[in-house]
Amino acid sequence: MSYEKATFGAGCFWGVEYVYRRVPGVVDVEVGYSGGRTKNPTYEQVCSHTTGHAEVAQVTFDPERVSFDQLLEVFWAMHDPTQVNRQGPDIGDQYRSVVFTHSEEQREAAEASKARAQSKFKKPIATEIVPLTAFYSAEGYHQAYYEKNGHTPYCHVVPVGTLEELGLIPARR
């Protein structure tokens, strides 16, 4: 069995992780930081807007069960990719919309998916598509945040029910 990875920034990483953990074929989701200059940054450093890092979710998935294109569809639906350096109430460069690609094939797929998704938005999509250079795992208390804390996400993400209605994730039982 060969798993692949995909890395997405779509605002607060707690919400991005929450959604991707519900997608069939996703094996694991780890939140962290990517796209900046500082090695092994802390949450406090990232929030200081001095590192250049975005909050991201790194998704490990089984490509026989879910494709990278399907993960991209969930990505476009879970946030407003036309916003620059913010999602909902969260403002700052760490909340930017970004796809960090792990291969040339992912880059091509992300660019094509972005072009298709543009028809769903009135404003231009601001999402960056850039090669992943490094991923730094966030502190333990950020991992599986909602599962550990047992409350409804407050983040910007589209409610899971909306994603279910769109057929992007299966309906809860």
Protein backbone atom coordinates (compact mmCIF):
# COMPACT_ATOMS: atom_id res chain seq x y z
CA MET A 1 0.00 0.00 0.00
CA SER A 2 1.47 3.34 -1.06
CA TYR A 3 0.19 6.53 0.56
CA GLU A 4 0.71 10.06 -0.72
CA LYS A 5 0.83 13.44 0.98
CA ALA A 6 -0.84 16.76 0.23
CA THR A 7 -0.39 20.01 2.15
CA PHE A 8 -3.06 22.72 2.34
CA GLY A 9 -3.34 26.12 4.00
CA ALA A 10 -6.90 27.45 4.21
CA GLY A 11 -6.97 29.58 7.34
CA CYS A 12 -6.87 28.21 10.88
CA PHE A 13 -5.32 24.75 10.70
CA TRP A 14 -7.72 23.34 13.31
CA GLY A 15 -10.64 23.73 10.90
CA VAL A 16 -8.74 22.41 7.88
CA GLU A 17 -7.71 19.34 9.87
CA TYR A 18 -11.28 18.87 11.14
CA VAL A 19 -12.66 18.68 7.60
CA TYR A 20 -9.94 16.50 6.06
CA ARG A 21 -10.14 13.96 8.89
CA ARG A 22 -13.69 13.25 7.69
CA VAL A 23 -12.80 12.48 4.07
CA PRO A 24 -12.80 8.74 3.27
CA GLY A 25 -9.37 7.66 2.09
CA VAL A 26 -7.56 10.16 4.29
CA VAL A 27 -5.29 8.11 6.53
CA ASP A 28 -3.91 10.89 8.73
CA VAL A 29 -3.80 14.67 9.07
CA GLU A 30 -1.04 16.55 10.86
CA VAL A 31 -1.12 20.30 11.39
CA GLY A 32 1.98 22.43 11.12
CA TYR A 33 3.73 25.28 9.40
CA SER A 34 5.12 25.71 5.87
CA GLY A 35 6.23 28.36 3.43
CA GLY A 36 8.39 30.51 5.65
CA ARG A 37 11.99 31.28 6.51
CA THR A 38 12.25 30.16 10.13
CA LYS A 39 13.30 26.58 10.85
CA ASN A 40 11.22 24.73 13.46
CA PRO A 41 8.98 27.70 14.26
CA THR A 42 6.72 27.82 17.27
CA TYR A 43 3.07 28.85 17.16
CA GLU A 44 3.95 32.11 18.89
CA GLN A 45 6.63 32.86 16.27
CA VAL A 46 4.21 32.14 13.40
CA CYS A 47 1.60 34.42 15.00
CA SER A 48 4.17 37.21 15.22
CA HIS A 49 4.10 37.51 11.39
CA THR A 50 7.90 37.36 11.23
CA THR A 51 8.40 33.79 9.96
CA GLY A 52 6.51 33.83 6.64
CA HIS A 53 4.93 30.48 7.52
CA ALA A 54 1.30 29.54 6.90
CA GLU A 55 -0.74 27.31 9.17
CA VAL A 56 -1.23 24.12 7.16
CA ALA A 57 -2.66 20.63 7.33
CA GLN A 58 -0.55 17.85 5.85
CA VAL A 59 -2.86 15.12 4.63
CA THR A 60 -1.71 11.53 4.20
CA PHE A 61 -4.10 9.77 1.83
CA ASP A 62 -4.66 6.50 0.02
CA PRO A 63 -4.82 7.43 -3.70
CA GLU A 64 -6.79 4.24 -4.39
CA ARG A 65 -9.62 5.61 -2.20
CA VAL A 66 -9.41 9.37 -2.70
CA SER A 67 -7.62 11.32 -5.42
CA PHE A 68 -5.60 14.49 -5.08
CA ASP A 69 -8.23 16.15 -7.31
CA GLN A 70 -10.96 15.18 -4.83
CA LEU A 71 -8.91 16.64 -1.97
CA LEU A 72 -8.61 19.84 -4.00
CA GLU A 73 -12.41 19.96 -4.43
CA VAL A 74 -12.78 19.79 -0.65
CA PHE A 75 -10.12 22.52 -0.32
CA TRP A 76 -11.99 24.96 -2.61
CA ALA A 77 -15.28 24.28 -0.80
CA MET A 78 -14.00 24.63 2.78
CA HIS A 79 -12.84 28.25 2.60
CA ASP A 80 -12.97 31.46 0.59
CA PRO A 81 -9.88 31.29 -1.63
CA THR A 82 -10.44 34.85 -2.85
CA GLN A 83 -9.45 36.34 0.51
CA VAL A 84 -5.85 37.43 0.99
CA ASN A 85 -4.17 36.65 4.32
CA ARG A 86 -7.39 35.92 6.17
CA GLN A 87 -10.30 33.53 6.61
CA GLY A 88 -13.34 34.69 8.51
CA PRO A 89 -12.27 36.34 11.75
CA ASP A 90 -8.66 35.13 11.42
CA ILE A 91 -6.37 37.75 9.89
CA GLY A 92 -2.67 37.46 9.08
CA ASP A 93 -0.28 35.94 6.56
CA GLN A 94 -0.34 32.63 8.45
CA TYR A 95 -4.00 32.23 7.36
CA ARG A 96 -3.33 32.58 3.63
CA SER A 97 -4.83 30.22 1.08
CA VAL A 98 -2.09 27.99 -0.31
CA VAL A 99 -1.49 24.57 -1.82
CA PHE A 100 2.03 23.28 -1.18
CA THR A 101 2.72 20.69 -3.86
CA HIS A 102 4.79 17.55 -3.36
CA SER A 103 5.43 16.87 -7.07
CA GLU A 104 5.15 18.35 -10.52
CA GLU A 105 2.01 16.24 -11.04
CA GLN A 106 0.40 17.82 -7.98
CA ARG A 107 1.36 21.30 -9.20
CA GLU A 108 -0.25 20.67 -12.59
CA ALA A 109 -3.37 19.19 -10.97
CA ALA A 110 -3.65 22.12 -8.53
CA GLU A 111 -3.30 24.72 -11.30
CA ALA A 112 -5.97 22.96 -13.41
CA SER A 113 -8.27 22.61 -10.39
CA LYS A 114 -7.82 26.30 -9.53
CA ALA A 115 -8.79 27.27 -13.08
CA ARG A 116 -11.94 25.10 -12.86
CA ALA A 117 -12.83 26.44 -9.41
CA GLN A 118 -12.58 30.08 -10.51
CA SER A 119 -16.03 29.88 -12.15
CA LYS A 120 -17.56 29.42 -8.67
CA PHE A 121 -16.21 32.74 -7.37
CA LYS A 122 -16.92 36.35 -8.40
CA LYS A 123 -13.49 37.59 -7.27
CA PRO A 124 -10.16 36.19 -8.49
CA ILE A 125 -8.83 33.24 -6.52
CA ALA A 126 -5.82 34.39 -4.47
CA THR A 127 -4.58 30.90 -3.57
CA GLU A 128 -0.85 30.38 -3.97
CA ILE A 129 0.35 27.12 -5.51
CA VAL A 130 3.98 26.54 -4.60
CA PRO A 131 6.35 23.61 -4.09
CA LEU A 132 6.66 22.32 -0.52
CA THR A 133 10.16 22.98 0.76
CA ALA A 134 9.64 22.07 4.42
CA PHE A 135 6.87 21.06 6.80
CA TYR A 136 7.24 21.67 10.52
CA SER A 137 4.83 19.86 12.79
CA ALA A 138 2.87 22.10 15.15
CA GLU A 139 2.94 21.62 18.89
CA GLY A 140 1.11 18.57 20.26
CA TYR A 141 -1.81 20.55 21.66
CA HIS A 142 -2.71 21.66 18.11
CA GLN A 143 -2.91 18.07 16.75
CA ALA A 144 -6.45 16.61 16.51
CA TYR A 145 -7.57 19.74 18.32
CA TYR A 146 -11.33 19.24 18.04
CA GLU A 147 -11.18 15.54 18.83
CA LYS A 148 -9.24 16.34 22.03
CA ASN A 149 -11.35 19.32 23.06
CA GLY A 150 -14.76 17.92 22.12
CA HIS A 151 -16.52 21.00 20.87
CA THR A 152 -17.81 22.34 17.58
CA PRO A 153 -15.21 24.12 15.48
CA TYR A 154 -15.36 27.89 15.61
CA CYS A 155 -13.01 28.30 12.66
CA HIS A 156 -13.99 29.71 9.29
CA VAL A 157 -14.57 26.33 7.63
CA VAL A 158 -17.73 25.46 5.80
CA PRO A 159 -19.92 23.35 8.08
CA VAL A 160 -19.49 19.63 7.56
CA GLY A 161 -23.21 19.43 6.61
CA THR A 162 -22.55 21.69 3.61
CA LEU A 163 -19.68 19.48 2.48
CA GLU A 164 -21.98 16.46 2.85
CA GLU A 165 -24.65 18.15 0.73
CA LEU A 166 -22.05 18.83 -1.95
CA GLY A 167 -21.11 15.15 -1.90
CA LEU A 168 -17.53 16.01 -0.97
CA ILE A 169 -17.63 13.91 2.19
CA PRO A 170 -20.07 11.14 3.16
CA ALA A 171 -23.09 11.92 5.31
CA ARG A 172 -22.72 11.28 9.02
CA ARG A 173 -24.83 8.49 10.49
